[in-house]
Protein backbone atom coordinates (compact mmCIF):
# COMPACT_ATOMS: atom_id res chain seq x y z
CA MET A 1 44.62 69.63 83.37
CA ARG A 2 47.11 68.48 85.95
CA ARG A 3 47.49 70.33 89.18
CA PRO A 4 50.81 72.21 89.53
CA GLY A 5 51.70 70.11 92.57
CA VAL A 6 51.57 66.83 90.65
CA TRP A 7 54.69 67.73 88.64
CA TRP A 8 56.57 68.42 91.88
CA ARG A 9 55.28 65.35 93.73
CA ARG A 10 56.34 62.99 91.00
CA LYS A 11 59.97 64.05 91.33
CA SER A 12 62.33 62.06 93.50
CA THR A 13 63.94 63.70 96.51
CA PRO A 14 67.29 64.31 94.74
CA ALA A 15 65.46 65.74 91.73
CA LYS A 16 63.50 68.07 94.01
CA VAL A 17 66.69 69.31 95.66
CA GLU A 18 68.33 69.83 92.27
CA THR A 19 65.32 71.76 90.95
CA TYR A 20 65.22 73.91 94.08
CA THR A 21 68.95 74.66 93.79
CA ARG A 22 68.70 75.63 90.13
CA TRP A 23 65.76 77.97 90.63
CA SER A 24 67.45 79.52 93.66
CA PHE A 25 70.32 80.66 91.45
CA HIS A 26 67.86 81.88 88.82
CA PHE A 27 66.16 83.86 91.56
CA PHE A 28 69.51 85.48 92.33
CA GLY A 29 69.29 87.09 88.89
CA VAL A 30 65.86 88.47 89.74
CA VAL A 31 67.25 89.87 93.00
CA GLU A 32 70.15 91.49 91.16
CA VAL A 33 67.81 93.21 88.71
CA THR A 34 65.13 94.34 91.15
CA ALA A 35 67.22 95.25 94.19
CA ILE A 36 70.13 96.88 92.34
CA GLY A 37 68.93 97.85 88.88
CA LEU A 38 65.57 99.53 89.52
CA PRO A 39 66.83 102.15 92.03
CA VAL A 40 69.29 103.64 89.48
CA PHE A 41 66.60 105.43 87.46
CA GLN A 42 65.96 108.19 89.99
CA PRO A 43 69.52 109.53 90.52
CA VAL A 44 70.88 108.89 87.03
CA GLY A 45 67.92 109.77 84.86
CA VAL A 46 65.68 107.86 82.53
CA ARG A 47 67.93 107.39 79.51
CA PRO A 48 71.23 106.62 81.32
CA GLY A 49 69.31 104.63 83.87
CA LEU A 50 67.65 102.55 81.16
CA LEU A 51 71.02 101.82 79.59
CA LEU A 52 72.50 100.75 82.93
CA PHE A 53 69.41 98.71 83.68
CA LEU A 54 69.67 96.84 80.38
CA LEU A 55 73.36 96.17 81.00
CA LEU A 56 72.55 94.84 84.46
CA CYS A 57 69.80 92.62 83.03
CA GLY A 58 72.30 91.19 80.55
CA HIS A 59 74.74 90.52 83.37
CA ALA A 60 72.00 88.78 85.41
CA VAL A 61 71.03 86.59 82.46
CA LEU A 62 74.68 85.67 81.89
CA CYS A 63 75.01 84.73 85.58
CA SER A 64 71.90 82.53 85.38
CA VAL A 65 73.12 80.73 82.26
CA THR A 66 76.56 80.21 83.80
CA ALA A 67 75.04 78.88 87.01
CA SER A 68 72.88 76.41 85.07
CA ARG A 69 75.84 75.15 83.01
CA ALA A 70 78.02 74.90 86.14
CA LEU A 71 75.36 72.83 87.94
CA ASP A 72 75.15 70.55 84.90
CA TRP A 73 78.90 70.12 85.18
CA THR A 74 78.72 69.28 88.89
CA ARG A 75 76.13 66.58 88.07
CA GLY A 76 78.36 65.15 85.32
CA SER A 77 76.00 65.88 82.41
CA ARG A 78 78.16 68.60 80.80
CA GLU A 79 81.80 69.60 80.47
CA GLN A 80 83.21 72.31 82.70
CA PRO A 81 82.11 75.67 81.20
CA MET A 82 85.52 77.32 81.31
CA ARG A 83 84.86 79.74 78.45
CA LEU A 84 81.60 80.87 80.00
CA LEU A 85 83.32 81.43 83.35
CA VAL A 86 86.00 83.56 81.68
CA VAL A 87 83.39 85.54 79.76
CA LEU A 88 81.38 86.16 82.95
CA GLY A 89 84.48 87.38 84.78
CA ALA A 90 85.45 89.70 81.94
CA VAL A 91 81.93 91.08 81.54
CA SER A 92 81.63 91.65 85.28
CA TRP A 93 84.88 93.65 85.34
CA LEU A 94 84.02 95.67 82.22
CA LEU A 95 80.57 96.60 83.48
CA GLY A 96 81.95 97.33 86.94
CA ALA A 97 84.54 99.67 85.46
CA ALA A 98 81.90 101.30 83.24
CA VAL A 99 79.60 102.22 86.11
CA LEU A 100 82.50 103.61 88.16
CA ALA A 101 83.58 105.64 85.16
CA LEU A 102 80.05 106.98 84.93
CA ALA A 103 80.31 108.20 88.49
CA GLU A 104 83.62 109.90 87.77
CA TYR A 105 83.02 111.35 84.31
CA GLY A 106 79.24 111.43 84.10
CA PRO A 107 76.73 113.75 85.74
CA GLY A 108 77.98 114.63 89.20
CA GLY A 109 76.23 114.28 92.50
CA ASP A 110 76.30 112.04 95.53
CA ASP A 111 73.26 110.13 94.31
CA VAL A 112 74.97 109.20 91.06
CA LEU A 113 78.09 108.10 92.92
CA SER A 114 76.07 106.00 95.34
CA ALA A 115 74.09 104.34 92.54
CA SER A 116 77.25 103.65 90.52
CA VAL A 117 79.07 102.11 93.48
CA THR A 118 76.01 99.95 94.26
CA LEU A 119 75.91 98.66 90.68
CA HIS A 120 79.65 98.04 90.74
CA VAL A 121 79.51 96.08 94.02
CA GLY A 122 76.45 94.08 92.90
CA MET A 123 77.89 93.05 89.54
CA LEU A 124 81.23 91.95 90.97
CA SER A 125 79.64 90.15 93.93
CA PHE A 126 77.17 88.17 91.81
CA GLY A 127 79.89 87.49 89.25
CA ALA A 128 82.30 86.11 91.85
CA GLY A 129 79.58 84.01 93.52
CA THR A 130 78.54 82.47 90.19
CA ILE A 131 82.09 81.77 89.00
CA VAL A 132 82.71 79.75 92.16
CA LEU A 133 80.07 77.23 91.02
CA GLY A 134 82.29 76.14 88.15
CA MET A 135 85.45 75.65 90.20
CA ARG A 136 86.68 72.18 91.06
CA ASP A 137 89.20 73.13 93.75
CA ARG A 138 87.31 74.75 96.61
CA ARG A 139 90.53 76.03 98.13
CA ARG A 140 90.67 78.62 95.37
CA VAL A 141 87.33 80.14 96.35
CA PRO A 142 88.82 82.61 98.90
CA VAL A 143 91.45 83.57 96.33
CA VAL A 144 88.77 84.41 93.75
CA VAL A 145 86.71 86.47 96.22
CA ALA A 146 89.78 88.28 97.53
CA GLY A 147 90.94 88.94 93.96
CA PHE A 148 87.59 90.49 93.02
CA ALA A 149 87.61 92.63 96.19
CA GLY A 150 91.24 93.77 95.75
CA GLY A 151 90.75 94.48 92.07
CA SER A 152 87.63 96.50 92.87
CA GLY A 153 89.55 98.70 95.30
CA LEU A 154 92.40 99.26 92.85
CA LEU A 155 89.96 100.04 90.05
CA ALA A 156 88.16 102.55 92.26
CA LEU A 157 91.44 104.29 93.09
CA ALA A 158 92.48 104.32 89.43
CA LEU A 159 89.20 106.00 88.41
CA GLY A 160 89.68 108.76 90.96
CA LEU A 161 87.62 107.67 93.95
CA ALA A 162 88.87 108.72 97.35
CA GLY A 163 90.75 106.26 99.52
CA PRO A 164 87.93 105.65 102.05
CA ALA A 165 85.41 105.23 99.22
CA ALA A 166 87.71 102.75 97.42
CA LEU A 167 88.26 100.82 100.66
CA GLY A 168 84.54 100.71 101.32
CA THR A 169 83.88 99.46 97.81
CA ALA A 170 86.48 96.70 98.16
CA THR A 171 85.04 95.69 101.56
CA ALA A 172 81.50 95.56 100.16
CA VAL A 173 82.65 93.34 97.28
CA LEU A 174 84.52 91.11 99.72
CA LEU A 175 81.47 90.65 101.97
CA GLY A 176 78.92 90.32 99.18
CA GLY A 177 81.07 88.07 97.02
CA GLY A 178 82.07 85.99 100.04
CA PHE A 179 78.46 85.43 101.06
CA LEU A 180 77.37 84.42 97.55
CA ALA A 181 80.44 82.21 97.13
CA PHE A 182 79.70 80.44 100.41
CA THR A 183 76.10 79.98 99.28
CA SER A 184 77.26 78.46 96.01
CA VAL A 185 79.73 76.08 97.65
CA PHE A 186 77.20 74.98 100.28
CA SER A 187 74.48 74.45 97.66
CA VAL A 188 76.73 72.22 95.55
CA TRP A 189 77.84 70.28 98.63
CA LEU A 190 74.24 69.73 99.72
CA LEU A 191 73.21 68.62 96.22
CA ASP A 192 76.09 66.14 96.00
CA ALA A 193 75.29 64.81 99.50
CA VAL A 194 71.65 64.19 98.57
CA PHE A 195 72.60 62.28 95.42
CA GLU A 196 75.22 60.27 97.33
CA LEU A 197 72.66 59.34 99.98
CA ASP A 198 70.22 58.27 97.29
CA ALA A 199 72.92 56.15 95.65
CA ALA A 200 73.77 54.64 99.04
CA ARG A 201 70.11 53.76 99.55
CA GLU A 202 69.97 52.03 96.17
CA THR A 203 73.16 50.16 97.00
CA ARG A 204 71.70 49.04 100.31
CA THR A 205 68.60 47.79 98.51
CA ARG A 206 70.69 45.82 96.02
CA LEU A 207 72.72 44.33 98.87
CA ALA A 208 69.53 43.30 100.63
CA VAL A 209 68.33 41.58 97.45
CA ALA A 210 71.71 39.88 97.03
CA GLU A 211 71.63 38.72 100.65
CA GLU A 212 68.15 37.29 100.17
CA ARG A 213 69.32 35.44 97.07
CA LEU A 214 72.24 34.00 99.02
CA ARG A 215 69.87 32.87 101.76
CA PHE A 216 67.63 31.22 99.20
CA GLY A 217 70.68 29.57 97.64
CA ARG A 218 71.79 28.26 101.03
CA ASP A 219 68.32 26.82 101.67
CA LEU A 220 68.32 25.05 98.32
CA HIS A 221 71.81 23.75 98.95
CA ASP A 222 70.81 22.39 102.36
CA VAL A 223 67.76 20.67 100.87
CA MET A 224 69.24 19.39 97.62
CA GLY A 225 72.85 18.77 98.58
CA ARG A 226 72.21 15.80 100.85
CA ASN A 227 69.49 14.27 98.66
CA LEU A 228 71.61 14.52 95.51
CA ALA A 229 74.49 12.88 97.34
CA VAL A 230 72.19 10.05 98.38
CA ILE A 231 70.88 9.70 94.82
CA ALA A 232 74.44 9.53 93.48
CA LEU A 233 75.45 6.85 95.99
CA LYS A 234 72.36 4.74 95.41
CA SER A 235 72.73 5.04 91.64
CA GLU A 236 76.34 3.86 91.92
CA LEU A 237 75.18 1.06 94.17
CA ALA A 238 72.50 0.06 91.65
CA VAL A 239 75.12 0.01 88.88
CA GLN A 240 77.36 -2.30 90.90
CA LEU A 241 74.44 -4.59 91.71
CA ALA A 242 73.30 -4.65 88.07
CA ARG A 243 76.79 -5.62 86.91
CA ARG A 244 76.67 -8.55 89.31
CA GLU A 245 73.15 -9.39 88.05
CA ARG A 246 71.66 -9.09 91.51
CA PRO A 247 67.93 -8.32 91.78
CA GLU A 248 68.52 -5.74 94.51
CA ALA A 249 69.47 -3.24 91.75
CA VAL A 250 65.77 -2.73 90.96
CA ASP A 251 65.04 -1.96 94.61
CA GLN A 252 67.84 0.62 94.67
CA MET A 253 66.51 2.38 91.57
CA ILE A 254 63.03 2.44 93.10
CA GLU A 255 64.61 4.07 96.15
CA VAL A 256 66.35 6.60 93.88
CA GLN A 257 62.99 7.44 92.33
CA ARG A 258 61.43 7.90 95.78
CA ILE A 259 64.22 10.22 96.90
CA ALA A 260 63.90 12.24 93.69
CA HIS A 261 60.17 12.76 94.31
CA GLU A 262 60.92 13.67 97.91
CA SER A 263 63.51 16.21 96.77
CA GLN A 264 60.99 17.73 94.40
CA ARG A 265 58.49 18.11 97.23
CA GLU A 266 61.07 19.70 99.51
CA VAL A 267 62.11 22.18 96.83
CA ARG A 268 58.47 23.19 96.38
CA GLU A 269 58.20 23.74 100.14
CA VAL A 270 61.30 25.92 100.12
CA VAL A 271 59.97 28.00 97.23
CA ARG A 272 56.58 28.28 98.90
CA GLY A 273 58.20 29.45 102.11
CA TYR A 274 60.33 31.90 100.14
CA ARG A 275 57.26 33.42 98.52
CA GLU A 276 55.24 33.65 101.74
CA ALA A 277 55.35 36.98 103.55
CA ASP A 278 55.79 37.08 107.32
CA LEU A 279 53.25 39.58 108.67
CA GLY A 280 55.28 40.62 111.72
CA ALA A 281 58.37 41.26 109.62
CA GLU A 282 56.33 43.13 107.02
CA LEU A 283 54.78 45.42 109.65
CA ALA A 284 58.17 46.25 111.14
CA GLY A 285 59.70 46.71 107.70
CA ALA A 286 56.88 49.00 106.57
CA GLN A 287 57.33 51.24 109.58
CA GLY A 288 61.09 51.42 109.08
CA VAL A 289 60.93 52.10 105.33
CA LEU A 290 58.21 54.76 105.59
CA THR A 291 59.92 56.49 108.50
CA ALA A 292 63.18 56.59 106.54
CA ALA A 293 61.29 58.14 103.62
CA GLY A 294 60.01 60.96 105.83
CA VAL A 295 56.50 59.56 106.36
CA ASP A 296 55.10 59.58 109.90
CA CYS A 297 54.14 55.91 110.25
CA ALA A 298 52.34 54.34 113.23
CA VAL A 299 51.73 50.60 113.47
CA THR A 300 49.27 49.08 115.96
CA GLY A 301 48.43 45.44 116.55
CA SER A 302 50.40 42.20 116.57
CA ALA A 303 50.55 39.22 114.23
CA ALA A 304 51.20 36.75 117.05
CA GLY A 305 48.86 33.77 117.02
CA LEU A 306 47.58 34.18 113.48
CA PRO A 307 47.70 31.15 111.16
CA PRO A 308 50.57 31.12 108.64
CA ALA A 309 48.21 31.36 105.66
CA VAL A 310 46.50 34.44 107.11
CA GLN A 311 49.85 36.06 107.95
CA SER A 312 51.12 35.43 104.44
CA ALA A 313 48.06 36.98 102.76
CA LEU A 314 47.99 40.04 105.02
CA GLY A 315 51.77 40.39 104.76
CA TRP A 316 51.42 40.84 101.00
CA VAL A 317 48.78 43.51 101.59
CA VAL A 318 51.18 45.42 103.87
CA ARG A 319 54.01 45.05 101.38
CA GLU A 320 51.97 46.25 98.38
CA ALA A 321 50.37 49.13 100.29
CA THR A 322 53.76 50.31 101.59
CA THR A 323 55.23 50.22 98.10
CA ASN A 324 52.38 52.26 96.69
CA VAL A 325 52.59 54.83 99.50
CA LEU A 326 56.17 55.48 98.40
CA ARG A 327 55.50 55.37 94.66
CA HIS A 328 52.24 57.31 94.40
CA GLY A 329 51.05 60.56 95.94
CA ASP A 330 52.92 62.67 98.48
CA ALA A 331 52.12 61.02 101.80
CA ARG A 332 53.11 62.63 105.08
CA ARG A 333 51.26 60.30 107.47
CA CYS A 334 50.45 56.60 107.35
CA ARG A 335 48.56 54.47 109.87
CA VAL A 336 48.68 50.66 109.86
CA SER A 337 46.39 48.78 112.25
CA LEU A 338 45.81 45.06 112.74
CA GLU A 339 42.78 44.29 114.89
CA PRO A 340 40.66 41.18 115.52
CA ALA A 341 36.93 41.61 114.85
CA GLY A 342 35.14 38.54 116.18
CA ASP A 343 36.01 35.60 113.98
CA ARG A 344 37.86 37.83 111.51
CA VAL A 345 41.06 39.87 111.52
CA VAL A 346 41.04 43.33 109.91
CA LEU A 347 44.12 45.05 108.47
CA THR A 348 43.78 48.79 107.71
CA VAL A 349 46.37 50.91 105.90
CA GLU A 350 45.49 54.61 105.68
CA ASN A 351 47.61 57.48 104.35
CA ASP A 352 47.21 61.05 103.18
CA GLY A 353 48.56 62.71 100.03
CA VAL A 354 46.13 61.08 97.61
CA GLU A 355 46.31 62.26 93.99
CA ARG A 356 43.11 62.90 92.07
CA PRO A 357 43.52 63.10 88.28
CA ALA A 358 41.37 65.44 86.27
CA GLN A 359 37.99 64.25 85.01
CA ASP A 360 37.76 62.67 81.63
CA PRO A 361 35.28 63.88 78.97
CA SER A 362 32.64 61.44 80.22
CA GLY A 363 32.67 63.11 83.63
CA ALA A 364 34.20 60.19 85.50
CA SER A 365 37.12 60.90 87.77
CA PRO A 366 38.63 57.65 88.98
CA PRO A 367 40.65 58.43 92.09
CA ARG A 368 44.28 57.64 92.16
CA GLY A 369 45.43 57.11 95.69
CA ALA A 370 48.79 56.82 97.29
CA ALA A 371 48.06 53.38 98.61
CA GLY A 372 47.10 51.90 95.28
CA PRO A 373 46.33 53.34 91.86
CA GLY A 374 42.93 52.59 90.61
CA GLY A 375 42.79 49.99 87.92
CA GLY A 376 46.32 48.75 88.51
CA SER A 377 47.36 45.12 88.82
CA GLY A 378 48.51 45.48 92.45
CA LEU A 379 45.04 45.47 94.00
CA ALA A 380 43.88 42.70 91.67
CA GLY A 381 46.79 40.51 92.76
CA LEU A 382 46.03 41.21 96.44
CA ARG A 383 42.38 40.24 95.95
CA GLU A 384 43.49 36.96 94.41
CA ARG A 385 45.76 36.21 97.36
CA LEU A 386 43.04 37.10 99.86
CA ALA A 387 40.48 35.04 97.97
CA ALA A 388 42.64 31.96 98.64
CA VAL A 389 41.92 32.41 102.37
CA ALA A 390 38.31 33.65 101.87
CA GLY A 391 39.34 37.24 102.52
CA THR A 392 38.15 40.53 101.05
CA LEU A 393 39.84 43.79 100.10
CA GLU A 394 38.44 47.31 99.89
CA ALA A 395 40.48 50.30 98.70
CA GLY A 396 39.61 53.88 97.83
CA PRO A 397 39.84 57.54 98.84
CA VAL A 398 38.04 58.73 101.97
CA ASP A 399 37.65 62.12 103.63
CA GLY A 400 39.32 64.29 101.03
CA ASP A 401 43.00 63.44 100.55
CA LEU A 402 43.04 60.17 102.52
CA PHE A 403 43.34 56.74 100.95
CA ARG A 404 42.38 53.61 102.86
CA VAL A 405 43.00 49.93 102.22
CA VAL A 406 41.00 47.48 104.35
CA ALA A 407 41.65 43.73 104.21
CA GLU A 408 39.46 41.26 106.16
CA VAL A 409 40.32 37.61 106.56
CA PRO A 410 38.25 35.04 108.49
CA LEU A 411 40.04 33.09 111.19
CA PRO A 412 39.73 29.30 111.24
CA PRO A 413 38.38 27.63 114.39
CA ALA A 414 40.85 27.17 117.21
CA SER A 415 40.60 23.40 116.99
CA ALA A 416 41.44 23.46 113.30
CA ARG A 417 44.42 25.71 113.92
CA THR A 418 45.64 23.43 116.72
CA SER A 419 45.27 20.28 114.65
CA SER A 420 46.95 21.98 111.71
CA SER A 421 49.93 22.92 113.89
CA ALA A 422 50.12 19.41 115.29
CA ALA A 423 49.97 17.90 111.83
CA SER A 424 52.71 20.20 110.65
CA SER A 425 54.91 19.24 113.61
CA ALA A 426 54.29 15.56 113.01
CA ALA A 427 55.08 15.89 109.34
CA SER A 428 58.29 17.74 110.13
CA SER A 429 59.34 15.06 112.63
CA ALA A 430 58.59 12.29 110.15
CA ALA A 431 60.51 14.02 107.41
CA SER A 432 63.48 14.54 109.72
CA SER A 433 63.46 10.87 110.75
CA ALA A 434 63.24 9.68 107.16
CA ALA A 435 65.99 12.02 106.07
CA SER A 436 68.30 10.93 108.85
CA SER A 437 67.72 7.26 108.08
CA VAL A 438 68.58 7.53 104.37
CA PRO A 439 72.32 8.10 104.68
CA ARG A 440 72.68 5.19 107.12
CA SER A 441 70.92 2.79 104.74
CA VAL A 442 73.09 3.93 101.86
CA SER A 443 76.24 3.48 103.91
CA GLU A 444 75.23 -0.02 105.05
CA GLU A 445 74.26 -1.13 101.55
CA SER A 446 77.51 0.24 100.12
CA GLU A 447 79.50 -1.74 102.65
CA GLU A 448 77.50 -4.84 101.77
CA VAL A 449 78.27 -4.49 98.04
CA THR A 450 81.93 -3.78 98.71
CA SER A 451 82.23 -6.87 100.88
C-alpha cells in the first residue's frame, strides 16, 4: 500500500495549493457544525435541538458544495453557479429567520435566546462568506456583507427583539461575514496567483528553449551560409568553364566536393558542441533551478581545468540528477560536490526526500529515490556517457531518506591534456585559414572567367 504522503508529494505546487484551499472551505462546514450546532442541545432540549442541528448540518453541506462549485468556476472548469448561490442565500435567510422565530415564539429563557442568536449569526455569516466565492466583481463584496448584516438587524427587529439585541446581532453578522468574505477573496487571489506564477514559469521555460533553438540556428547559419555561397559560386564557375570546354571545370567540381565534405564536418562539430553539456554552467543552473523550486541547494567545487570530455560527461550527470530531484520525491535539501581524488574527479549529488515503494509479493523493495528512479532509462544513459570516458556511476538510497549519486571519471595525464589543447588550437587556426582563403580564390577565379 502507498503511504499517505506519496499522494500529496506527487502533486504539483499549484495542485497542492488548490487542494489545501478546497479542504479549508470544507473544514469551515465542520467548524459551523461543531462550534455552533452542538451547543444548542443544552438550552433548547433534545428534540428541538436535534431538529436545529440537522438544519445546521444541511446548511453546512450546502455551503461546502457551493464553495466547491465556486472554486471550480474560478479555475475555469465549470460555469458560474448562480442558481446555487441564490439557493444558498435563500436557505441562509430562511433558517436564520426560523431560529430567531424560535427564540421569540418557542420556549422562553435567556439560554434559548442566546443559542438562537448564535445560530442566526453563524448561518448568515457562513452563507455570506461562501456566496462571495462565486462573485466576479470584488467591489460588490462589501455590499453583500453589509446587506446580510442590515437585513439581519431588520429581521431581528421585525421578530420582536429589542433594539440593542438587534444591533448586536447585525454587528456580529457584519464582523463574522466580513471576516469569512475576506478569507474567501484572499484564498481565491492566492490560488490565482500561484497558477499564474506556474504559467509564467512554463512560459519562461519555453522561451529559454526557443532562445536555444535560435542560437543553434544562428550557429548553423554561420557555418553553412558562407560554405553554401562558395559552393554556389564554384558550381557556377564550373558551368561557365564546362561551356567553354576548359579542363579547369573538373578542378572546380573537385573543389566543390571538398567544400561539401568540409561543411559536413563542421555541421557535425556544431551538433556535437550543441549536445555537450558545460559542467560549470550545469552546476550554476542546478543551484538556481533547485533554489527556485524551494530546495536548499549547496554546490562546492569548480569545473575549471577539467578536460572538455570530462566536463561534458559530468555535466549530463548534474543535469539528469537535478531533473530527477524535481520530478521524484519531495526533496528539501540537495548537496552537489565536485572534488578531485588523485587521478580521478568525483561528482556527488545527494538529496533527501527519497520515496520507497511498498514491497512486492517476492519481498523485494527496490528503492525509488529522488535523484533517479530505480530501473529507469536515465541512469542507464548516464552510465553509457560515463563509459565513453572510462567513468563509473553509483546511485542508491543511503541513511534512511537520502539518495546519493556518485560519478567518478579518471583524468588524463597533464601532457595528454596539454597536447590535446594544442592540437585543438592548431586545428582551429588551420580551419580558419582555409576558410578565409576560399572566398578569395573563388573571387579571383570568377574574375578570370569573366575576363
